[in-house]
Amino acid sequence: MLGETPKRKTCKGMKGIIKEGQEMMEEPMSETVMNAALIAAAQRVEHYEMAAYGTLRTYATLVGNHEASQLFQTTLEEEELTDKKLSMLASTINAKAVGAPSTSENGKREKAR
């Protein structure tokens, strides 16, 4: 769109988040706790991405590139949707991981199994 050739650059921050998740997976824990930890790790990745796309959208808007701004906004919304889905999963998995009652989809409290 800008007449530029994309270049690759390793993101040290994202590499750190991924490494942290990999190290966490090596820790001894139950399957349910592992699932909760994996969701938390995935959300850290999503939040990092959301920050990046939100910033890029703002920069594109500031320089008057509304087409790029809209593309970044669309990608940001996709990342936000993924984060919301992970939060919904976490609400049940986290409660099971600590043995607490969870709230079902219909809003009723359930005992964790």
Protein backbone atom coordinates (compact mmCIF):
# COMPACT_ATOMS: atom_id res chain seq x y z
CA MET A 1 0.00 0.00 0.00
CA LEU A 2 2.90 2.36 0.76
CA GLY A 3 5.17 1.12 -2.00
CA GLU A 4 7.62 -0.34 0.52
CA THR A 5 9.00 -3.83 0.86
CA PRO A 6 8.26 -5.25 4.33
CA LYS A 7 11.30 -6.08 6.41
CA ARG A 8 11.57 -8.65 9.19
CA LYS A 9 12.64 -7.70 12.65
CA THR A 10 12.58 -9.94 15.69
CA CYS A 11 10.45 -8.59 18.50
CA LYS A 12 12.42 -9.11 21.70
CA GLY A 13 9.40 -8.34 23.87
CA MET A 14 7.26 -11.01 22.23
CA LYS A 15 10.14 -13.50 22.36
CA GLY A 16 10.34 -12.85 26.10
CA ILE A 17 6.62 -13.42 26.59
CA ILE A 18 6.80 -16.69 24.63
CA LYS A 19 9.90 -17.85 26.53
CA GLU A 20 8.15 -17.10 29.82
CA GLY A 21 5.21 -19.25 28.70
CA GLN A 22 7.50 -22.09 27.66
CA GLU A 23 9.30 -22.02 31.01
CA MET A 24 5.99 -22.04 32.85
CA MET A 25 4.93 -25.17 30.94
CA GLU A 26 7.95 -27.02 32.36
CA GLU A 27 6.72 -26.49 35.93
CA PRO A 28 4.94 -29.37 37.65
CA MET A 29 1.20 -28.68 37.88
CA SER A 30 -2.15 -30.33 37.35
CA GLU A 31 -3.76 -30.30 33.92
CA THR A 32 -6.37 -27.77 35.04
CA VAL A 33 -3.77 -25.41 36.49
CA MET A 34 -1.72 -25.81 33.30
CA ASN A 35 -4.78 -24.85 31.23
CA ALA A 36 -5.28 -21.75 33.36
CA ALA A 37 -1.61 -20.84 33.01
CA LEU A 38 -1.72 -21.33 29.23
CA ILE A 39 -4.74 -19.04 28.95
CA ALA A 40 -2.91 -16.40 30.99
CA ALA A 41 0.14 -16.70 28.75
CA ALA A 42 -2.02 -16.41 25.63
CA GLN A 43 -3.67 -13.29 27.04
CA ARG A 44 -0.27 -11.69 27.64
CA VAL A 45 0.48 -12.24 23.95
CA GLU A 46 -2.91 -10.78 22.96
CA HIS A 47 -2.42 -7.71 25.15
CA TYR A 48 1.02 -7.09 23.66
CA GLU A 49 -0.46 -7.35 20.16
CA MET A 50 -3.38 -5.08 21.07
CA ALA A 51 -0.97 -2.42 22.31
CA ALA A 52 1.03 -2.64 19.08
CA TYR A 53 -1.96 -2.47 16.73
CA GLY A 54 -3.59 0.34 18.71
CA THR A 55 -0.40 2.37 18.52
CA LEU A 56 0.02 1.70 14.79
CA ARG A 57 -3.60 2.69 14.17
CA THR A 58 -3.05 5.97 16.01
CA TYR A 59 0.15 6.72 14.09
CA ALA A 60 -1.59 6.00 10.77
CA THR A 61 -4.44 8.31 11.75
CA LEU A 62 -2.04 11.08 12.80
CA VAL A 63 -0.23 11.01 9.45
CA GLY A 64 -3.52 10.94 7.55
CA ASN A 65 -3.34 7.38 6.23
CA HIS A 66 -6.94 6.42 6.88
CA GLU A 67 -6.75 3.18 4.86
CA ALA A 68 -3.90 1.86 7.00
CA SER A 69 -5.64 3.16 10.12
CA GLN A 70 -8.75 1.15 9.27
CA LEU A 71 -6.71 -1.99 8.61
CA PHE A 72 -4.99 -1.65 11.98
CA GLN A 73 -8.36 -1.01 13.65
CA THR A 74 -9.80 -4.18 12.10
CA THR A 75 -6.82 -6.21 13.31
CA LEU A 76 -7.09 -4.63 16.78
CA GLU A 77 -10.76 -5.64 16.95
CA GLU A 78 -9.82 -9.22 16.01
CA GLU A 79 -7.24 -9.31 18.81
CA GLU A 80 -9.77 -7.87 21.28
CA LEU A 81 -12.29 -10.56 20.30
CA THR A 82 -9.69 -13.27 20.89
CA ASP A 83 -8.89 -11.75 24.30
CA LYS A 84 -12.59 -11.76 25.23
CA LYS A 85 -12.89 -15.42 24.24
CA LEU A 86 -9.85 -16.25 26.35
CA SER A 87 -11.39 -14.35 29.29
CA MET A 88 -14.59 -16.38 28.95
CA LEU A 89 -12.57 -19.60 29.02
CA ALA A 90 -10.53 -18.35 31.95
CA SER A 91 -13.61 -17.61 34.05
CA THR A 92 -14.38 -21.33 34.17
CA ILE A 93 -10.88 -22.80 34.00
CA ASN A 94 -9.46 -20.51 36.71
CA ALA A 95 -12.26 -21.40 39.10
CA LYS A 96 -11.67 -25.11 38.46
CA ALA A 97 -7.93 -24.64 38.95
CA VAL A 98 -8.46 -23.31 42.47
CA GLY A 99 -11.44 -25.57 43.25
CA ALA A 100 -13.89 -22.68 43.54
CA PRO A 101 -17.44 -22.54 42.19
CA SER A 102 -17.68 -21.07 38.69
CA THR A 103 -20.46 -19.22 36.93
CA SER A 104 -22.08 -21.11 34.07
CA GLU A 105 -23.18 -19.51 30.79
CA ASN A 106 -26.70 -19.04 32.17
CA GLY A 107 -25.33 -17.14 35.18
CA LYS A 108 -25.92 -19.90 37.76
CA ARG A 109 -23.15 -20.80 40.19
CA GLU A 110 -21.72 -24.26 39.67
CA LYS A 111 -19.39 -26.28 41.82
CA ALA A 112 -16.05 -26.86 40.06
CA ARG A 113 -15.32 -30.49 39.24
